[in-house]
Amino acid sequence: MQTPDFFLEPAEPEQRPAPRPAPPAAGIWGMGGRVTWVSALVLSLSTFMDWYTGEGVGVRLSVIGWHTGTLGKVVFFIGLAVLAIVVLREAGIELPAALPESLVILALGALATVFVLVRMFSIPDSVLPADSLGIGIWISLLASLGVIAGGLLQAVEEL
């Protein structure tokens, strides 16, 4: 004789596999995060490269971005702020929904670009006789434009 089904132990509920996260966007549209953090790192480090060079009395001078005044230091901290945003996102901490991350990165990149352009066209008197532009300020300009490009790519990814 067989026991009725209602005396059997209940079967475990069927467990569905957890949904997989969406794969990152392929191609150039998926590079927003990488472009952003690499550009931010280069932007921060470029303030320790020569922004101005010149000839002294028998000496070749080079002035790093950190020693060009407040704007050089602000460019460094803008790069660190963008890096912090990227690191916090990777740690799972998001900015408020009312303030998109790509918008903040775009604004910081634009601000850094303006500050670097100011330093390119307005050489401080304190660094004279270093009166020509060094390679570091060009790297800073490219890195700040890279932060803007990374923010734009992230904005496209968010859409």
C-alpha atoms as a PDB file:
ATOM      1  CA  MET A   1       0.000   0.000   0.000  1.00  0.00           C
ATOM      2  CA  GLN A   2       1.268   3.414  -0.887  1.00  0.00           C
ATOM      3  CA  THR A   3       1.050   6.467   1.388  1.00  0.00           C
ATOM      4  CA  PRO A   4      -0.918   9.438   0.171  1.00  0.00           C
ATOM      5  CA  ASP A   5       1.033  12.400  -1.156  1.00  0.00           C
ATOM      6  CA  PHE A   6      -0.071  14.738   1.595  1.00  0.00           C
ATOM      7  CA  PHE A   7       2.003  12.822   4.162  1.00  0.00           C
ATOM      8  CA  LEU A   8       5.192  13.271   2.239  1.00  0.00           C
ATOM      9  CA  GLU A   9       7.523  16.040   3.220  1.00  0.00           C
ATOM     10  CA  PRO A  10       7.008  19.132   1.127  1.00  0.00           C
ATOM     11  CA  ALA A  11       9.437  19.510  -1.691  1.00  0.00           C
ATOM     12  CA  GLU A  12      11.835  22.413  -1.545  1.00  0.00           C
ATOM     13  CA  PRO A  13      10.637  25.410  -3.520  1.00  0.00           C
ATOM     14  CA  GLU A  14      12.149  25.678  -6.913  1.00  0.00           C
ATOM     15  CA  GLN A  15      15.102  28.039  -6.850  1.00  0.00           C
ATOM     16  CA  ARG A  16      15.671  30.138  -9.891  1.00  0.00           C
ATOM     17  CA  PRO A  17      19.182  31.161 -10.792  1.00  0.00           C
ATOM     18  CA  ALA A  18      20.030  34.766 -10.025  1.00  0.00           C
ATOM     19  CA  PRO A  19      19.837  36.998 -13.079  1.00  0.00           C
ATOM     20  CA  ARG A  20      23.177  37.800 -14.596  1.00  0.00           C
ATOM     21  CA  PRO A  21      24.243  41.415 -14.647  1.00  0.00           C
ATOM     22  CA  ALA A  22      24.184  42.997 -18.061  1.00  0.00           C
ATOM     23  CA  PRO A  23      27.530  42.733 -19.822  1.00  0.00           C
ATOM     24  CA  PRO A  24      29.418  45.973 -20.171  1.00  0.00           C
ATOM     25  CA  ALA A  25      28.867  47.827 -23.387  1.00  0.00           C
ATOM     26  CA  ALA A  26      31.143  46.704 -26.155  1.00  0.00           C
ATOM     27  CA  GLY A  27      33.389  48.817 -28.283  1.00  0.00           C
ATOM     28  CA  ILE A  28      34.147  52.453 -27.782  1.00  0.00           C
ATOM     29  CA  TRP A  29      30.925  53.093 -25.823  1.00  0.00           C
ATOM     30  CA  GLY A  30      32.062  50.768 -23.047  1.00  0.00           C
ATOM     31  CA  MET A  31      35.313  52.618 -22.461  1.00  0.00           C
ATOM     32  CA  GLY A  32      33.907  55.571 -20.488  1.00  0.00           C
ATOM     33  CA  GLY A  33      35.070  54.373 -17.086  1.00  0.00           C
ATOM     34  CA  ARG A  34      38.543  53.420 -18.273  1.00  0.00           C
ATOM     35  CA  VAL A  35      39.085  56.653 -20.167  1.00  0.00           C
ATOM     36  CA  THR A  36      37.925  58.618 -17.133  1.00  0.00           C
ATOM     37  CA  TRP A  37      40.185  57.043 -14.538  1.00  0.00           C
ATOM     38  CA  VAL A  38      43.264  56.938 -16.771  1.00  0.00           C
ATOM     39  CA  SER A  39      42.793  60.585 -17.740  1.00  0.00           C
ATOM     40  CA  ALA A  40      42.199  61.605 -14.127  1.00  0.00           C
ATOM     41  CA  LEU A  41      45.351  59.806 -13.006  1.00  0.00           C
ATOM     42  CA  VAL A  42      47.416  61.432 -15.763  1.00  0.00           C
ATOM     43  CA  LEU A  43      45.871  64.826 -14.924  1.00  0.00           C
ATOM     44  CA  SER A  44      46.884  64.492 -11.282  1.00  0.00           C
ATOM     45  CA  LEU A  45      50.389  63.321 -12.106  1.00  0.00           C
ATOM     46  CA  SER A  46      50.921  65.942 -14.794  1.00  0.00           C
ATOM     47  CA  THR A  47      51.048  68.690 -12.184  1.00  0.00           C
ATOM     48  CA  PHE A  48      54.405  67.216 -11.163  1.00  0.00           C
ATOM     49  CA  MET A  49      55.767  67.534 -14.713  1.00  0.00           C
ATOM     50  CA  ASP A  50      57.402  70.606 -16.215  1.00  0.00           C
ATOM     51  CA  TRP A  51      54.832  73.194 -17.239  1.00  0.00           C
ATOM     52  CA  TYR A  52      57.358  75.911 -18.059  1.00  0.00           C
ATOM     53  CA  THR A  53      60.943  75.851 -19.266  1.00  0.00           C
ATOM     54  CA  GLY A  54      63.423  78.594 -19.957  1.00  0.00           C
ATOM     55  CA  GLU A  55      67.030  79.653 -20.036  1.00  0.00           C
ATOM     56  CA  GLY A  56      68.659  81.305 -17.060  1.00  0.00           C
ATOM     57  CA  VAL A  57      72.219  82.523 -16.792  1.00  0.00           C
ATOM     58  CA  GLY A  58      73.986  79.400 -18.029  1.00  0.00           C
ATOM     59  CA  VAL A  59      71.209  77.218 -16.620  1.00  0.00           C
ATOM     60  CA  ARG A  60      68.162  75.558 -18.157  1.00  0.00           C
ATOM     61  CA  LEU A  61      65.143  75.977 -15.851  1.00  0.00           C
ATOM     62  CA  SER A  62      62.025  73.874 -15.514  1.00  0.00           C
ATOM     63  CA  VAL A  63      59.001  74.687 -13.324  1.00  0.00           C
ATOM     64  CA  ILE A  64      56.477  71.981 -12.415  1.00  0.00           C
ATOM     65  CA  GLY A  65      52.751  72.670 -12.353  1.00  0.00           C
ATOM     66  CA  TRP A  66      52.553  72.416  -8.568  1.00  0.00           C
ATOM     67  CA  HIS A  67      54.797  75.490  -8.285  1.00  0.00           C
ATOM     68  CA  THR A  68      52.741  77.680 -10.624  1.00  0.00           C
ATOM     69  CA  GLY A  69      50.395  78.921  -7.932  1.00  0.00           C
ATOM     70  CA  THR A  70      46.921  78.001  -6.834  1.00  0.00           C
ATOM     71  CA  LEU A  71      45.679  76.902 -10.268  1.00  0.00           C
ATOM     72  CA  GLY A  72      48.333  74.202 -10.531  1.00  0.00           C
ATOM     73  CA  LYS A  73      47.322  72.797  -7.167  1.00  0.00           C
ATOM     74  CA  VAL A  74      43.609  72.982  -8.031  1.00  0.00           C
ATOM     75  CA  VAL A  75      44.230  70.982 -11.229  1.00  0.00           C
ATOM     76  CA  PHE A  76      45.892  68.290  -9.095  1.00  0.00           C
ATOM     77  CA  PHE A  77      42.933  68.132  -6.711  1.00  0.00           C
ATOM     78  CA  ILE A  78      40.418  68.059  -9.570  1.00  0.00           C
ATOM     79  CA  GLY A  79      42.198  64.968 -10.899  1.00  0.00           C
ATOM     80  CA  LEU A  80      42.049  63.414  -7.424  1.00  0.00           C
ATOM     81  CA  ALA A  81      38.340  64.238  -7.130  1.00  0.00           C
ATOM     82  CA  VAL A  82      37.580  62.480 -10.414  1.00  0.00           C
ATOM     83  CA  LEU A  83      39.635  59.483  -9.274  1.00  0.00           C
ATOM     84  CA  ALA A  84      37.701  59.433  -5.993  1.00  0.00           C
ATOM     85  CA  ILE A  85      34.381  59.413  -7.863  1.00  0.00           C
ATOM     86  CA  VAL A  86      35.527  56.463  -9.982  1.00  0.00           C
ATOM     87  CA  VAL A  87      36.858  54.532  -6.959  1.00  0.00           C
ATOM     88  CA  LEU A  88      33.670  55.137  -4.966  1.00  0.00           C
ATOM     89  CA  ARG A  89      31.567  53.916  -7.897  1.00  0.00           C
ATOM     90  CA  GLU A  90      33.626  50.735  -8.099  1.00  0.00           C
ATOM     91  CA  ALA A  91      33.168  50.282  -4.330  1.00  0.00           C
ATOM     92  CA  GLY A  92      29.395  50.429  -4.804  1.00  0.00           C
ATOM     93  CA  ILE A  93      28.815  53.977  -3.575  1.00  0.00           C
ATOM     94  CA  GLU A  94      26.812  55.968  -6.085  1.00  0.00           C
ATOM     95  CA  LEU A  95      26.154  59.678  -6.319  1.00  0.00           C
ATOM     96  CA  PRO A  96      22.531  60.757  -5.763  1.00  0.00           C
ATOM     97  CA  ALA A  97      20.254  60.085  -8.725  1.00  0.00           C
ATOM     98  CA  ALA A  98      19.586  63.801  -9.103  1.00  0.00           C
ATOM     99  CA  LEU A  99      23.291  64.354  -9.794  1.00  0.00           C
ATOM    100  CA  PRO A 100      24.499  62.037 -12.596  1.00  0.00           C
ATOM    101  CA  GLU A 101      28.108  60.943 -12.311  1.00  0.00           C
ATOM    102  CA  SER A 102      28.810  61.737 -15.941  1.00  0.00           C
ATOM    103  CA  LEU A 103      27.651  65.327 -15.410  1.00  0.00           C
ATOM    104  CA  VAL A 104      29.972  65.788 -12.421  1.00  0.00           C
ATOM    105  CA  ILE A 105      32.898  64.343 -14.363  1.00  0.00           C
ATOM    106  CA  LEU A 106      32.135  66.571 -17.346  1.00  0.00           C
ATOM    107  CA  ALA A 107      32.019  69.652 -15.100  1.00  0.00           C
ATOM    108  CA  LEU A 108      35.298  68.775 -13.365  1.00  0.00           C
ATOM    109  CA  GLY A 109      36.975  68.079 -16.709  1.00  0.00           C
ATOM    110  CA  ALA A 110      35.792  71.399 -18.120  1.00  0.00           C
ATOM    111  CA  LEU A 111      37.010  73.225 -15.019  1.00  0.00           C
ATOM    112  CA  ALA A 112      40.426  71.570 -15.258  1.00  0.00           C
ATOM    113  CA  THR A 113      40.627  72.439 -18.959  1.00  0.00           C
ATOM    114  CA  VAL A 114      39.876  76.091 -18.250  1.00  0.00           C
ATOM    115  CA  PHE A 115      42.505  76.237 -15.494  1.00  0.00           C
ATOM    116  CA  VAL A 116      45.159  74.621 -17.701  1.00  0.00           C
ATOM    117  CA  LEU A 117      44.332  76.994 -20.562  1.00  0.00           C
ATOM    118  CA  VAL A 118      44.653  79.960 -18.191  1.00  0.00           C
ATOM    119  CA  ARG A 119      48.106  78.732 -17.188  1.00  0.00           C
ATOM    120  CA  MET A 120      49.053  78.247 -20.841  1.00  0.00           C
ATOM    121  CA  PHE A 121      48.219  81.816 -21.830  1.00  0.00           C
ATOM    122  CA  SER A 122      49.111  83.558 -18.579  1.00  0.00           C
ATOM    123  CA  ILE A 123      52.582  82.596 -17.388  1.00  0.00           C
ATOM    124  CA  PRO A 124      53.012  83.714 -13.767  1.00  0.00           C
ATOM    125  CA  ASP A 125      55.760  86.251 -13.104  1.00  0.00           C
ATOM    126  CA  SER A 126      57.085  84.117 -10.266  1.00  0.00           C
ATOM    127  CA  VAL A 127      58.359  81.442 -12.683  1.00  0.00           C
ATOM    128  CA  LEU A 128      60.328  83.773 -14.950  1.00  0.00           C
ATOM    129  CA  PRO A 129      62.794  83.325 -16.744  1.00  0.00           C
ATOM    130  CA  ALA A 130      60.998  80.062 -17.528  1.00  0.00           C
ATOM    131  CA  ASP A 131      59.002  81.646 -20.329  1.00  0.00           C
ATOM    132  CA  SER A 132      58.128  78.797 -22.697  1.00  0.00           C
ATOM    133  CA  LEU A 133      55.681  75.953 -22.278  1.00  0.00           C
ATOM    134  CA  GLY A 134      56.975  72.559 -21.214  1.00  0.00           C
ATOM    135  CA  ILE A 135      55.624  69.144 -22.122  1.00  0.00           C
ATOM    136  CA  GLY A 136      53.784  68.739 -18.800  1.00  0.00           C
ATOM    137  CA  ILE A 137      51.239  71.458 -19.501  1.00  0.00           C
ATOM    138  CA  TRP A 138      50.411  69.861 -22.857  1.00  0.00           C
ATOM    139  CA  ILE A 139      49.942  66.527 -21.101  1.00  0.00           C
ATOM    140  CA  SER A 140      47.667  68.281 -18.581  1.00  0.00           C
ATOM    141  CA  LEU A 141      45.597  69.742 -21.396  1.00  0.00           C
ATOM    142  CA  LEU A 142      45.222  66.361 -23.114  1.00  0.00           C
ATOM    143  CA  ALA A 143      44.364  64.671 -19.806  1.00  0.00           C
ATOM    144  CA  SER A 144      41.708  67.261 -18.946  1.00  0.00           C
ATOM    145  CA  LEU A 145      40.193  66.812 -22.416  1.00  0.00           C
ATOM    146  CA  GLY A 146      40.354  63.051 -21.776  1.00  0.00           C
ATOM    147  CA  VAL A 147      38.324  63.514 -18.573  1.00  0.00           C
ATOM    148  CA  ILE A 148      35.706  65.366 -20.619  1.00  0.00           C
ATOM    149  CA  ALA A 149      35.707  62.572 -23.226  1.00  0.00           C
ATOM    150  CA  GLY A 150      35.334  59.955 -20.478  1.00  0.00           C
ATOM    151  CA  GLY A 151      32.393  61.856 -19.022  1.00  0.00           C
ATOM    152  CA  LEU A 152      30.754  62.039 -22.449  1.00  0.00           C
ATOM    153  CA  LEU A 153      31.257  58.308 -23.001  1.00  0.00           C
ATOM    154  CA  GLN A 154      29.731  57.595 -19.582  1.00  0.00           C
ATOM    155  CA  ALA A 155      26.774  59.820 -20.456  1.00  0.00           C
ATOM    156  CA  VAL A 156      26.223  57.753 -23.605  1.00  0.00           C
ATOM    157  CA  GLU A 157      26.406  54.552 -21.546  1.00  0.00           C
ATOM    158  CA  GLU A 158      23.793  55.887 -19.114  1.00  0.00           C
ATOM    159  CA  LEU A 159      21.305  56.533 -21.906  1.00  0.00           C
END
